[in-house]
Amino acid sequence: MPKSTIGVSALAFLLLCGPYPAEGGSEEGVSLRYGGGEPEVAHAFLAESHFQNEDMALGATYRYAAIPDRFFGVFLHFSARPYYDERIEEIRPGFRIMYDEFRYLIAVGIDEDLPLTRHLGVFLGAGAGYTLADYEATSRAPEEGWTPLAQAGLSFRARIDEEALGVVRAGYRYIDLRGDDTNWWYIALGVAF
């Protein structure tokens, strides 16, 4: 790609998404707070999904920001697989049974959203969760227990009215839901107010 195209693209990106001085801020500094003059938000509700090759879960998260400028705070998360998934369990050598499993996750943790530009940022989070499960049509219990939760990715925020911001997040999430893989893709859509 020619250098002039890269330069024009970078300039256009900075003009559209770059950091702008905050309302009432000094002319000397530039605020990287989302939106420059956007309202400070302390609460967020997000509809979320984490998914991988052949599995997914839908859920919701409430976030409270103790430090609204950086949206650093705590979160409470709940998610569930919206369908039964087939799991094969070895009862004894050479003898396996297939079960239909339904799984839930309840988690708490800390989360921070670091702004890169006026609307774009990076989020990082860590916590712990407890995964619960149920096999359909049997009294046999699947494996349950504690799991670490770690997540990171990109976030996008934009004003949707005087007091609220729309939030879109996408990235990576590590959780052990007692399945084949612990690496999940993550996407969320919500509102911060």
Protein backbone atom coordinates (compact mmCIF):
# COMPACT_ATOMS: atom_id res chain seq x y z
CA MET A 1 0.00 0.00 0.00
CA PRO A 2 1.45 3.45 -0.92
CA LYS A 3 2.62 5.65 1.97
CA SER A 4 0.24 8.45 0.95
CA THR A 5 -2.76 6.08 1.28
CA ILE A 6 -1.60 5.01 4.75
CA GLY A 7 -1.18 8.65 5.80
CA VAL A 8 -4.61 9.69 4.49
CA SER A 9 -6.20 6.65 6.18
CA ALA A 10 -4.50 7.45 9.50
CA LEU A 11 -5.57 11.11 9.30
CA ALA A 12 -9.19 10.13 8.51
CA PHE A 13 -9.19 7.68 11.44
CA LEU A 14 -7.87 10.30 13.87
CA LEU A 15 -10.39 12.91 12.67
CA LEU A 16 -13.31 10.51 13.04
CA CYS A 17 -12.29 8.62 16.18
CA GLY A 18 -9.46 10.59 17.75
CA PRO A 19 -9.38 11.99 21.28
CA TYR A 20 -11.13 15.34 21.71
CA PRO A 21 -10.91 17.81 24.60
CA ALA A 22 -13.48 17.14 27.30
CA GLU A 23 -16.25 19.70 27.88
CA GLY A 24 -14.97 22.27 30.30
CA GLY A 25 -11.45 20.81 30.05
CA SER A 26 -8.31 22.89 29.62
CA GLU A 27 -6.93 23.59 26.19
CA GLU A 28 -3.56 22.19 27.28
CA GLY A 29 -4.70 18.61 27.84
CA VAL A 30 -6.75 16.16 25.86
CA SER A 31 -9.20 13.90 27.61
CA LEU A 32 -9.29 10.28 26.50
CA ARG A 33 -12.52 9.72 28.41
CA TYR A 34 -15.13 8.21 26.11
CA GLY A 35 -16.75 10.87 23.99
CA GLY A 36 -14.78 13.73 25.48
CA GLY A 37 -17.91 15.43 26.83
CA GLU A 38 -20.11 12.34 27.15
CA PRO A 39 -21.89 11.79 30.45
CA GLU A 40 -20.02 9.85 33.12
CA VAL A 41 -21.63 6.45 33.47
CA ALA A 42 -21.56 4.24 36.55
CA HIS A 43 -23.93 1.42 35.56
CA ALA A 44 -24.18 -0.85 32.53
CA PHE A 45 -26.46 -3.69 31.49
CA LEU A 46 -25.17 -5.96 28.72
CA ALA A 47 -26.76 -8.81 26.77
CA GLU A 48 -23.90 -11.20 26.04
CA SER A 49 -22.92 -14.34 24.23
CA HIS A 50 -19.78 -16.41 24.50
CA PHE A 51 -19.31 -19.00 21.79
CA GLN A 52 -16.83 -21.35 20.18
CA ASN A 53 -16.78 -23.86 17.34
CA GLU A 54 -19.80 -25.98 18.31
CA ASP A 55 -21.07 -24.45 21.56
CA MET A 56 -22.50 -21.17 22.85
CA ALA A 57 -24.16 -19.55 25.83
CA LEU A 58 -26.39 -16.48 26.17
CA GLY A 59 -26.43 -14.27 29.23
CA ALA A 60 -26.54 -10.87 30.88
CA THR A 61 -24.10 -8.81 32.92
CA TYR A 62 -24.56 -5.88 35.28
CA ARG A 63 -21.50 -3.68 35.75
CA TYR A 64 -20.97 -1.00 38.40
CA ALA A 65 -18.09 1.44 37.89
CA ALA A 66 -16.43 2.64 41.07
CA ILE A 67 -14.23 4.90 38.89
CA PRO A 68 -16.57 6.09 36.07
CA ASP A 69 -13.83 7.82 33.98
CA ARG A 70 -12.20 4.47 33.26
CA PHE A 71 -15.30 2.39 33.94
CA PHE A 72 -13.30 0.43 36.51
CA GLY A 73 -15.49 -1.58 38.80
CA VAL A 74 -17.22 -4.87 39.51
CA PHE A 75 -19.53 -7.09 37.49
CA LEU A 76 -22.13 -9.78 38.12
CA HIS A 77 -22.73 -12.22 35.25
CA PHE A 78 -25.23 -15.01 34.50
CA SER A 79 -25.32 -17.14 31.35
CA ALA A 80 -26.81 -20.41 30.18
CA ARG A 81 -26.58 -22.66 27.17
CA PRO A 82 -29.95 -22.16 25.39
CA TYR A 83 -30.14 -25.81 24.31
CA TYR A 84 -29.09 -29.27 25.47
CA ASP A 85 -25.64 -30.31 24.29
CA GLU A 86 -24.59 -33.93 23.84
CA ARG A 87 -21.90 -35.09 26.25
CA ILE A 88 -20.30 -38.53 26.25
CA GLU A 89 -19.22 -39.95 29.61
CA GLU A 90 -17.14 -43.08 30.10
CA ILE A 91 -18.79 -45.17 32.83
CA ARG A 92 -16.14 -47.89 32.76
CA PRO A 93 -13.48 -48.90 30.20
CA GLY A 94 -15.13 -49.51 26.84
CA PHE A 95 -18.61 -48.42 28.04
CA ARG A 96 -19.81 -44.88 27.26
CA ILE A 97 -23.17 -43.17 27.70
CA MET A 98 -24.36 -40.05 25.89
CA TYR A 99 -26.22 -37.42 27.94
CA ASP A 100 -28.00 -34.21 26.94
CA GLU A 101 -26.50 -31.47 29.15
CA PHE A 102 -27.82 -28.02 30.04
CA ARG A 103 -25.23 -25.70 31.67
CA TYR A 104 -25.29 -22.38 33.61
CA LEU A 105 -22.60 -19.97 34.78
CA ILE A 106 -22.78 -17.41 37.60
CA ALA A 107 -19.71 -15.17 37.93
CA VAL A 108 -18.40 -12.05 39.69
CA GLY A 109 -15.25 -10.06 39.08
CA ILE A 110 -13.55 -6.78 38.28
CA ASP A 111 -13.53 -5.03 34.93
CA GLU A 112 -11.85 -2.00 33.37
CA ASP A 113 -12.47 -0.20 30.11
CA LEU A 114 -9.44 1.80 28.89
CA PRO A 115 -10.21 4.40 26.19
CA LEU A 116 -8.03 4.50 23.08
CA THR A 117 -9.99 7.12 21.12
CA ARG A 118 -13.22 9.06 21.53
CA HIS A 119 -15.39 5.96 21.00
CA LEU A 120 -13.02 2.98 20.95
CA GLY A 121 -11.42 1.31 23.95
CA VAL A 122 -9.88 -1.87 25.32
CA PHE A 123 -11.52 -3.83 28.11
CA LEU A 124 -9.89 -6.22 30.57
CA GLY A 125 -11.64 -8.29 33.21
CA ALA A 126 -11.03 -11.10 35.65
CA GLY A 127 -13.14 -12.97 38.13
CA ALA A 128 -14.44 -16.29 39.32
CA GLY A 129 -17.58 -18.19 38.53
CA TYR A 130 -19.44 -21.31 39.46
CA THR A 131 -20.75 -23.55 36.70
CA LEU A 132 -23.88 -25.65 37.28
CA ALA A 133 -25.28 -28.32 34.98
CA ASP A 134 -28.10 -30.79 34.55
CA TYR A 135 -28.47 -33.92 32.43
CA GLU A 136 -31.86 -34.33 30.80
CA ALA A 137 -34.00 -37.33 31.91
CA THR A 138 -31.55 -38.76 34.45
CA SER A 139 -30.64 -38.32 38.08
CA ARG A 140 -26.92 -38.55 37.25
CA ALA A 141 -25.15 -35.24 37.91
CA PRO A 142 -22.58 -33.74 35.51
CA GLU A 143 -19.36 -32.16 36.75
CA GLU A 144 -19.87 -28.77 38.38
CA GLY A 145 -17.51 -26.40 40.15
CA TRP A 146 -15.54 -23.19 40.31
CA THR A 147 -13.86 -21.70 37.27
CA PRO A 148 -11.62 -18.68 36.70
CA LEU A 149 -12.92 -16.10 34.24
CA ALA A 150 -10.65 -13.81 32.22
CA GLN A 151 -11.66 -11.60 29.31
CA ALA A 152 -10.16 -8.95 27.05
CA GLY A 153 -11.11 -7.23 23.82
CA LEU A 154 -12.30 -4.05 22.13
CA SER A 155 -15.23 -1.90 23.19
CA PHE A 156 -17.14 0.79 21.33
CA ARG A 157 -19.32 3.44 22.99
CA ALA A 158 -21.56 6.10 21.50
CA ARG A 159 -24.15 8.48 22.94
CA ILE A 160 -27.75 7.29 22.52
CA ASP A 161 -29.38 10.11 24.53
CA GLU A 162 -28.51 12.82 27.09
CA GLU A 163 -27.79 10.38 29.94
CA ALA A 164 -26.86 7.07 28.29
CA LEU A 165 -24.27 5.46 26.05
CA GLY A 166 -24.68 2.45 23.78
CA VAL A 167 -21.96 -0.17 24.30
CA VAL A 168 -20.67 -2.91 21.98
CA ARG A 169 -17.90 -5.26 23.14
CA ALA A 170 -16.11 -8.09 21.35
CA GLY A 171 -13.14 -10.18 22.34
CA TYR A 172 -11.81 -13.29 24.06
CA ARG A 173 -13.06 -15.01 27.22
CA TYR A 174 -11.48 -17.85 29.20
CA ILE A 175 -13.90 -20.01 31.23
CA ASP A 176 -13.96 -23.72 31.99
CA LEU A 177 -17.51 -24.96 31.41
CA ARG A 178 -16.36 -28.58 31.72
CA GLY A 179 -16.46 -29.05 27.97
CA ASP A 180 -13.96 -29.68 25.22
CA ASP A 181 -12.37 -26.21 25.21
CA THR A 182 -11.88 -23.32 27.65
CA ASN A 183 -11.29 -20.62 24.99
CA TRP A 184 -14.39 -18.67 23.92
CA TRP A 185 -15.18 -15.71 21.66
CA TYR A 186 -17.24 -13.03 23.36
CA ILE A 187 -19.69 -10.38 22.12
CA ALA A 188 -21.96 -8.02 24.07
CA LEU A 189 -24.47 -5.27 23.34
CA GLY A 190 -25.87 -2.98 26.01
CA VAL A 191 -26.40 0.40 27.57
CA ALA A 192 -24.37 2.38 30.13
CA PHE A 193 -25.98 5.11 32.22
